[in-house]
Amino acid sequence: MPVRSLNSRVFKWPDRRQVEAAARDWARRQAERHPELKRVGYFGSYARGDWGVGSDLDLVAIVAEARRPFGERPRDWDLTGLPVPAELLVYTEEEWKEKLGEGGRFARMLVDEVVWIYPRDRSSI
């Protein structure tokens, strides 16, 4: 989380490089805990480069299958090790393809913005 710089009132907020490195480490740990994990990426202000003090990290995970309904899935993922507050969307591969196929505003934003960080060797699903 952000920390004060010495005794000043100035917050030092992690930059994109620091947040991405932490997110990559987090994704690797999650892959060990969640064998169904196929892809992890981030979008939003950190992906666009317009993050600032108080920005959160918007994550998306693609899994082979899920037992819980969409809205309950993030409960199974520990986000506390990340250096900034984070939100996670967890889609199955089928749901992800359907979401992108809808072509709505959110789907177009995801296509344009997601920076894939896990695994390193694939650029998209």
C-alpha atoms as a PDB file:
ATOM      1  CA  MET A   1       0.000   0.000   0.000  1.00  0.00           C
ATOM      2  CA  PRO A   2       1.111   3.598  -0.367  1.00  0.00           C
ATOM      3  CA  VAL A   3       3.437   4.962   2.286  1.00  0.00           C
ATOM      4  CA  ARG A   4       4.248   8.424   3.552  1.00  0.00           C
ATOM      5  CA  SER A   5       7.612   9.788   2.551  1.00  0.00           C
ATOM      6  CA  LEU A   6       9.467  10.212   5.871  1.00  0.00           C
ATOM      7  CA  ASN A   7       7.487  12.651   8.040  1.00  0.00           C
ATOM      8  CA  SER A   8       5.912  14.641   5.222  1.00  0.00           C
ATOM      9  CA  ARG A   9       2.285  14.617   4.162  1.00  0.00           C
ATOM     10  CA  VAL A  10       3.264  13.481   0.682  1.00  0.00           C
ATOM     11  CA  PHE A  11       2.241   9.990  -0.351  1.00  0.00           C
ATOM     12  CA  LYS A  12       4.497   7.983  -2.585  1.00  0.00           C
ATOM     13  CA  TRP A  13       2.212   5.888  -4.781  1.00  0.00           C
ATOM     14  CA  PRO A  14       3.625   2.899  -6.672  1.00  0.00           C
ATOM     15  CA  ASP A  15       4.225   3.573 -10.370  1.00  0.00           C
ATOM     16  CA  ARG A  16       3.154   1.356 -13.256  1.00  0.00           C
ATOM     17  CA  ARG A  17       6.437  -0.573 -13.333  1.00  0.00           C
ATOM     18  CA  GLN A  18       6.188  -1.443  -9.632  1.00  0.00           C
ATOM     19  CA  VAL A  19       2.514  -2.354  -9.858  1.00  0.00           C
ATOM     20  CA  GLU A  20       3.019  -4.507 -12.944  1.00  0.00           C
ATOM     21  CA  ALA A  21       5.951  -6.363 -11.361  1.00  0.00           C
ATOM     22  CA  ALA A  22       3.864  -7.050  -8.245  1.00  0.00           C
ATOM     23  CA  ALA A  23       0.909  -8.134 -10.385  1.00  0.00           C
ATOM     24  CA  ARG A  24       3.122 -10.548 -12.359  1.00  0.00           C
ATOM     25  CA  ASP A  25       4.365 -12.089  -9.093  1.00  0.00           C
ATOM     26  CA  TRP A  26       0.798 -12.256  -7.790  1.00  0.00           C
ATOM     27  CA  ALA A  27      -0.379 -13.971 -10.982  1.00  0.00           C
ATOM     28  CA  ARG A  28       2.359 -16.610 -10.729  1.00  0.00           C
ATOM     29  CA  ARG A  29       1.349 -17.345  -7.135  1.00  0.00           C
ATOM     30  CA  GLN A  30      -2.307 -17.538  -8.128  1.00  0.00           C
ATOM     31  CA  ALA A  31      -1.489 -20.004 -10.915  1.00  0.00           C
ATOM     32  CA  GLU A  32      -0.082 -22.333  -8.248  1.00  0.00           C
ATOM     33  CA  ARG A  33      -3.261 -22.019  -6.175  1.00  0.00           C
ATOM     34  CA  HIS A  34      -5.676 -22.053  -9.133  1.00  0.00           C
ATOM     35  CA  PRO A  35      -4.702 -24.673 -11.730  1.00  0.00           C
ATOM     36  CA  GLU A  36      -7.693 -23.562 -13.819  1.00  0.00           C
ATOM     37  CA  LEU A  37      -6.029 -20.174 -14.446  1.00  0.00           C
ATOM     38  CA  LYS A  38      -5.233 -19.518 -18.107  1.00  0.00           C
ATOM     39  CA  ARG A  39      -4.563 -15.749 -18.370  1.00  0.00           C
ATOM     40  CA  VAL A  40      -4.208 -12.655 -16.178  1.00  0.00           C
ATOM     41  CA  GLY A  41      -4.177  -9.076 -17.368  1.00  0.00           C
ATOM     42  CA  TYR A  42      -4.822  -5.577 -16.146  1.00  0.00           C
ATOM     43  CA  PHE A  43      -6.775  -2.706 -17.644  1.00  0.00           C
ATOM     44  CA  GLY A  44      -7.898   0.761 -16.637  1.00  0.00           C
ATOM     45  CA  SER A  45      -5.668   3.595 -15.484  1.00  0.00           C
ATOM     46  CA  TYR A  46      -2.502   1.525 -15.041  1.00  0.00           C
ATOM     47  CA  ALA A  47      -2.898   0.049 -18.538  1.00  0.00           C
ATOM     48  CA  ARG A  48      -3.605   3.475 -20.079  1.00  0.00           C
ATOM     49  CA  GLY A  49      -0.783   5.156 -18.163  1.00  0.00           C
ATOM     50  CA  ASP A  50      -3.006   7.767 -16.504  1.00  0.00           C
ATOM     51  CA  TRP A  51      -2.850   6.325 -12.977  1.00  0.00           C
ATOM     52  CA  GLY A  52      -2.309   8.593  -9.981  1.00  0.00           C
ATOM     53  CA  VAL A  53      -2.398   8.634  -6.203  1.00  0.00           C
ATOM     54  CA  GLY A  54      -5.431   6.600  -5.207  1.00  0.00           C
ATOM     55  CA  SER A  55      -5.691   4.598  -8.435  1.00  0.00           C
ATOM     56  CA  ASP A  56      -6.643   0.983  -8.062  1.00  0.00           C
ATOM     57  CA  LEU A  57      -5.538  -1.941 -10.217  1.00  0.00           C
ATOM     58  CA  ASP A  58      -8.235  -3.492 -12.395  1.00  0.00           C
ATOM     59  CA  LEU A  59      -7.438  -7.144 -13.045  1.00  0.00           C
ATOM     60  CA  VAL A  60      -9.033  -9.733 -15.284  1.00  0.00           C
ATOM     61  CA  ALA A  61      -8.457 -13.469 -14.944  1.00  0.00           C
ATOM     62  CA  ILE A  62      -9.496 -16.061 -17.493  1.00  0.00           C
ATOM     63  CA  VAL A  63     -10.088 -19.547 -16.132  1.00  0.00           C
ATOM     64  CA  ALA A  64     -10.882 -22.865 -17.796  1.00  0.00           C
ATOM     65  CA  GLU A  65     -13.933 -23.382 -15.602  1.00  0.00           C
ATOM     66  CA  ALA A  66     -15.591 -21.934 -12.520  1.00  0.00           C
ATOM     67  CA  ARG A  67     -17.779 -23.371  -9.791  1.00  0.00           C
ATOM     68  CA  ARG A  68     -19.140 -20.103  -8.467  1.00  0.00           C
ATOM     69  CA  PRO A  69     -21.390 -17.571 -10.214  1.00  0.00           C
ATOM     70  CA  PHE A  70     -19.537 -14.684 -11.878  1.00  0.00           C
ATOM     71  CA  GLY A  71     -20.057 -12.133  -9.075  1.00  0.00           C
ATOM     72  CA  GLU A  72     -18.796 -14.479  -6.351  1.00  0.00           C
ATOM     73  CA  ARG A  73     -15.589 -15.683  -8.014  1.00  0.00           C
ATOM     74  CA  PRO A  74     -13.222 -12.942  -6.767  1.00  0.00           C
ATOM     75  CA  ARG A  75     -13.768 -14.210  -3.201  1.00  0.00           C
ATOM     76  CA  ASP A  76     -11.497 -17.151  -4.004  1.00  0.00           C
ATOM     77  CA  TRP A  77      -8.549 -14.903  -4.946  1.00  0.00           C
ATOM     78  CA  ASP A  78      -6.346 -13.160  -2.366  1.00  0.00           C
ATOM     79  CA  LEU A  79      -5.590  -9.613  -3.547  1.00  0.00           C
ATOM     80  CA  THR A  80      -3.976  -8.413  -0.313  1.00  0.00           C
ATOM     81  CA  GLY A  81      -0.374  -8.837  -1.490  1.00  0.00           C
ATOM     82  CA  LEU A  82      -0.685  -6.190  -4.209  1.00  0.00           C
ATOM     83  CA  PRO A  83       0.808  -2.728  -3.579  1.00  0.00           C
ATOM     84  CA  VAL A  84      -2.419  -0.862  -4.433  1.00  0.00           C
ATOM     85  CA  PRO A  85      -6.102  -1.646  -3.956  1.00  0.00           C
ATOM     86  CA  ALA A  86      -7.268  -4.050  -6.657  1.00  0.00           C
ATOM     87  CA  GLU A  87     -10.465  -5.332  -8.207  1.00  0.00           C
ATOM     88  CA  LEU A  88     -10.704  -8.619 -10.071  1.00  0.00           C
ATOM     89  CA  LEU A  89     -13.057  -9.908 -12.747  1.00  0.00           C
ATOM     90  CA  VAL A  90     -12.932 -13.683 -13.283  1.00  0.00           C
ATOM     91  CA  TYR A  91     -14.285 -15.008 -16.578  1.00  0.00           C
ATOM     92  CA  THR A  92     -14.345 -18.539 -17.912  1.00  0.00           C
ATOM     93  CA  GLU A  93     -12.825 -18.905 -21.376  1.00  0.00           C
ATOM     94  CA  GLU A  94     -16.312 -19.275 -22.831  1.00  0.00           C
ATOM     95  CA  GLU A  95     -17.642 -16.203 -21.004  1.00  0.00           C
ATOM     96  CA  TRP A  96     -14.614 -14.172 -22.144  1.00  0.00           C
ATOM     97  CA  LYS A  97     -15.215 -15.042 -25.786  1.00  0.00           C
ATOM     98  CA  GLU A  98     -18.913 -14.185 -25.397  1.00  0.00           C
ATOM     99  CA  LYS A  99     -18.070 -10.866 -23.690  1.00  0.00           C
ATOM    100  CA  LEU A 100     -15.714  -9.849 -26.488  1.00  0.00           C
ATOM    101  CA  GLY A 101     -18.206 -11.039 -29.100  1.00  0.00           C
ATOM    102  CA  GLU A 102     -20.886  -8.728 -27.695  1.00  0.00           C
ATOM    103  CA  GLY A 103     -18.965  -5.767 -29.022  1.00  0.00           C
ATOM    104  CA  GLY A 104     -20.304  -3.367 -26.390  1.00  0.00           C
ATOM    105  CA  ARG A 105     -18.361  -0.437 -24.964  1.00  0.00           C
ATOM    106  CA  PHE A 106     -16.859  -2.451 -22.102  1.00  0.00           C
ATOM    107  CA  ALA A 107     -15.809  -5.272 -24.450  1.00  0.00           C
ATOM    108  CA  ARG A 108     -14.145  -2.795 -26.835  1.00  0.00           C
ATOM    109  CA  MET A 109     -12.326  -1.183 -23.909  1.00  0.00           C
ATOM    110  CA  LEU A 110     -11.063  -4.597 -22.776  1.00  0.00           C
ATOM    111  CA  VAL A 111      -9.792  -5.428 -26.255  1.00  0.00           C
ATOM    112  CA  ASP A 112      -8.000  -2.078 -26.480  1.00  0.00           C
ATOM    113  CA  GLU A 113      -6.594  -1.876 -22.958  1.00  0.00           C
ATOM    114  CA  VAL A 114      -5.827  -5.238 -21.381  1.00  0.00           C
ATOM    115  CA  VAL A 115      -2.119  -5.752 -20.771  1.00  0.00           C
ATOM    116  CA  TRP A 116      -1.628  -9.512 -20.433  1.00  0.00           C
ATOM    117  CA  ILE A 117       0.887 -10.430 -17.731  1.00  0.00           C
ATOM    118  CA  TYR A 118       0.364 -14.177 -17.314  1.00  0.00           C
ATOM    119  CA  PRO A 119       1.458 -16.319 -18.964  1.00  0.00           C
ATOM    120  CA  ARG A 120       4.208 -14.320 -20.638  1.00  0.00           C
ATOM    121  CA  ASP A 121       4.298 -16.275 -23.888  1.00  0.00           C
ATOM    122  CA  ARG A 122       0.773 -15.587 -25.198  1.00  0.00           C
ATOM    123  CA  SER A 123      -0.618 -12.274 -26.403  1.00  0.00           C
ATOM    124  CA  SER A 124      -4.345 -13.090 -26.362  1.00  0.00           C
ATOM    125  CA  ILE A 125      -6.936 -15.776 -25.980  1.00  0.00           C
END
